[in-house]
Amino acid sequence: MPIWVDWNRTPVSVHDSEQESLELLILFLRNTYNVRRRSLVMADRERGGFLFFIYQACNPLWIAEFVDRLEEE
């Protein structure tokens, strides 16, 4: 399951089946766009996999940029 974001909830939640990819996304957002207000990665009890929450403004293009880079590897 690829990274997907639920933009219709507050706070925004970011999901994936692998914890490592979410940790890499967090590092990318922090180092590139100074996104620091977020939760820890945790198990998604509703859908399976993992998720974290973002508590500040985050441009969807930033996450798309990370996903594109991840797919290139």
Protein backbone atom coordinates (compact mmCIF):
# COMPACT_ATOMS: atom_id res chain seq x y z
CA MET A 1 0.00 0.00 0.00
CA PRO A 2 1.54 3.34 -0.99
CA ILE A 3 1.62 6.41 1.21
CA TRP A 4 -1.77 8.10 1.31
CA VAL A 5 -3.05 11.15 3.15
CA ASP A 6 -6.49 11.80 4.62
CA TRP A 7 -6.87 15.53 3.96
CA ASN A 8 -10.54 15.46 5.06
CA ARG A 9 -9.80 15.10 8.74
CA THR A 10 -8.29 17.38 11.34
CA PRO A 11 -5.50 16.81 12.03
CA VAL A 12 -4.40 15.44 8.67
CA SER A 13 -3.32 11.81 8.87
CA VAL A 14 -0.64 10.14 6.74
CA HIS A 15 -0.82 6.36 6.24
CA ASP A 16 1.32 3.55 4.87
CA SER A 17 1.79 -0.16 5.35
CA GLU A 18 5.44 0.35 6.34
CA GLN A 19 6.63 2.36 9.32
CA GLU A 20 10.02 3.07 7.75
CA SER A 21 8.59 4.98 4.78
CA LEU A 22 6.61 7.22 7.13
CA GLU A 23 9.73 7.88 9.21
CA LEU A 24 11.57 8.84 6.01
CA LEU A 25 8.70 11.15 5.03
CA ILE A 26 8.86 12.83 8.44
CA LEU A 27 12.59 13.45 8.01
CA PHE A 28 12.04 14.80 4.50
CA LEU A 29 9.30 17.19 5.62
CA ARG A 30 11.34 18.37 8.59
CA ASN A 31 14.60 18.86 6.73
CA THR A 32 13.16 20.31 3.53
CA TYR A 33 10.07 22.27 4.63
CA ASN A 34 10.53 22.65 8.40
CA VAL A 35 7.39 20.63 9.22
CA ARG A 36 7.87 19.83 12.89
CA ARG A 37 4.43 19.67 14.48
CA ARG A 38 3.44 16.05 14.06
CA SER A 39 2.77 12.92 16.05
CA LEU A 40 4.94 9.87 16.36
CA VAL A 41 4.36 7.04 13.89
CA MET A 42 1.89 4.58 15.40
CA ALA A 43 -0.05 1.49 14.43
CA ASP A 44 -3.25 2.19 12.51
CA ARG A 45 -5.81 0.14 14.42
CA GLU A 46 -8.64 0.91 12.00
CA ARG A 47 -7.05 0.09 8.64
CA GLY A 48 -3.85 -1.74 9.52
CA GLY A 49 -0.39 -0.46 8.74
CA PHE A 50 0.92 2.74 10.31
CA LEU A 51 0.07 6.42 10.47
CA PHE A 52 1.06 9.77 11.89
CA PHE A 53 -0.71 13.11 12.23
CA ILE A 54 0.44 16.51 10.99
CA TYR A 55 -0.52 19.43 13.23
CA GLN A 56 0.54 22.31 10.99
CA ALA A 57 0.04 23.46 7.41
CA CYS A 58 1.49 21.05 4.88
CA ASN A 59 1.37 21.51 1.13
CA PRO A 60 0.18 18.33 -0.64
CA LEU A 61 2.90 18.89 -3.24
CA TRP A 62 5.55 18.33 -0.57
CA ILE A 63 4.30 14.82 0.09
CA ALA A 64 3.92 14.19 -3.64
CA GLU A 65 7.54 15.26 -4.10
CA PHE A 66 8.65 12.71 -1.50
CA VAL A 67 6.57 9.94 -3.06
CA ASP A 68 8.04 10.71 -6.49
CA ARG A 69 11.56 10.51 -5.08
CA LEU A 70 10.73 7.25 -3.31
CA GLU A 71 9.43 5.71 -6.54
CA GLU A 72 12.58 6.74 -8.42
CA GLU A 73 14.78 4.68 -6.09
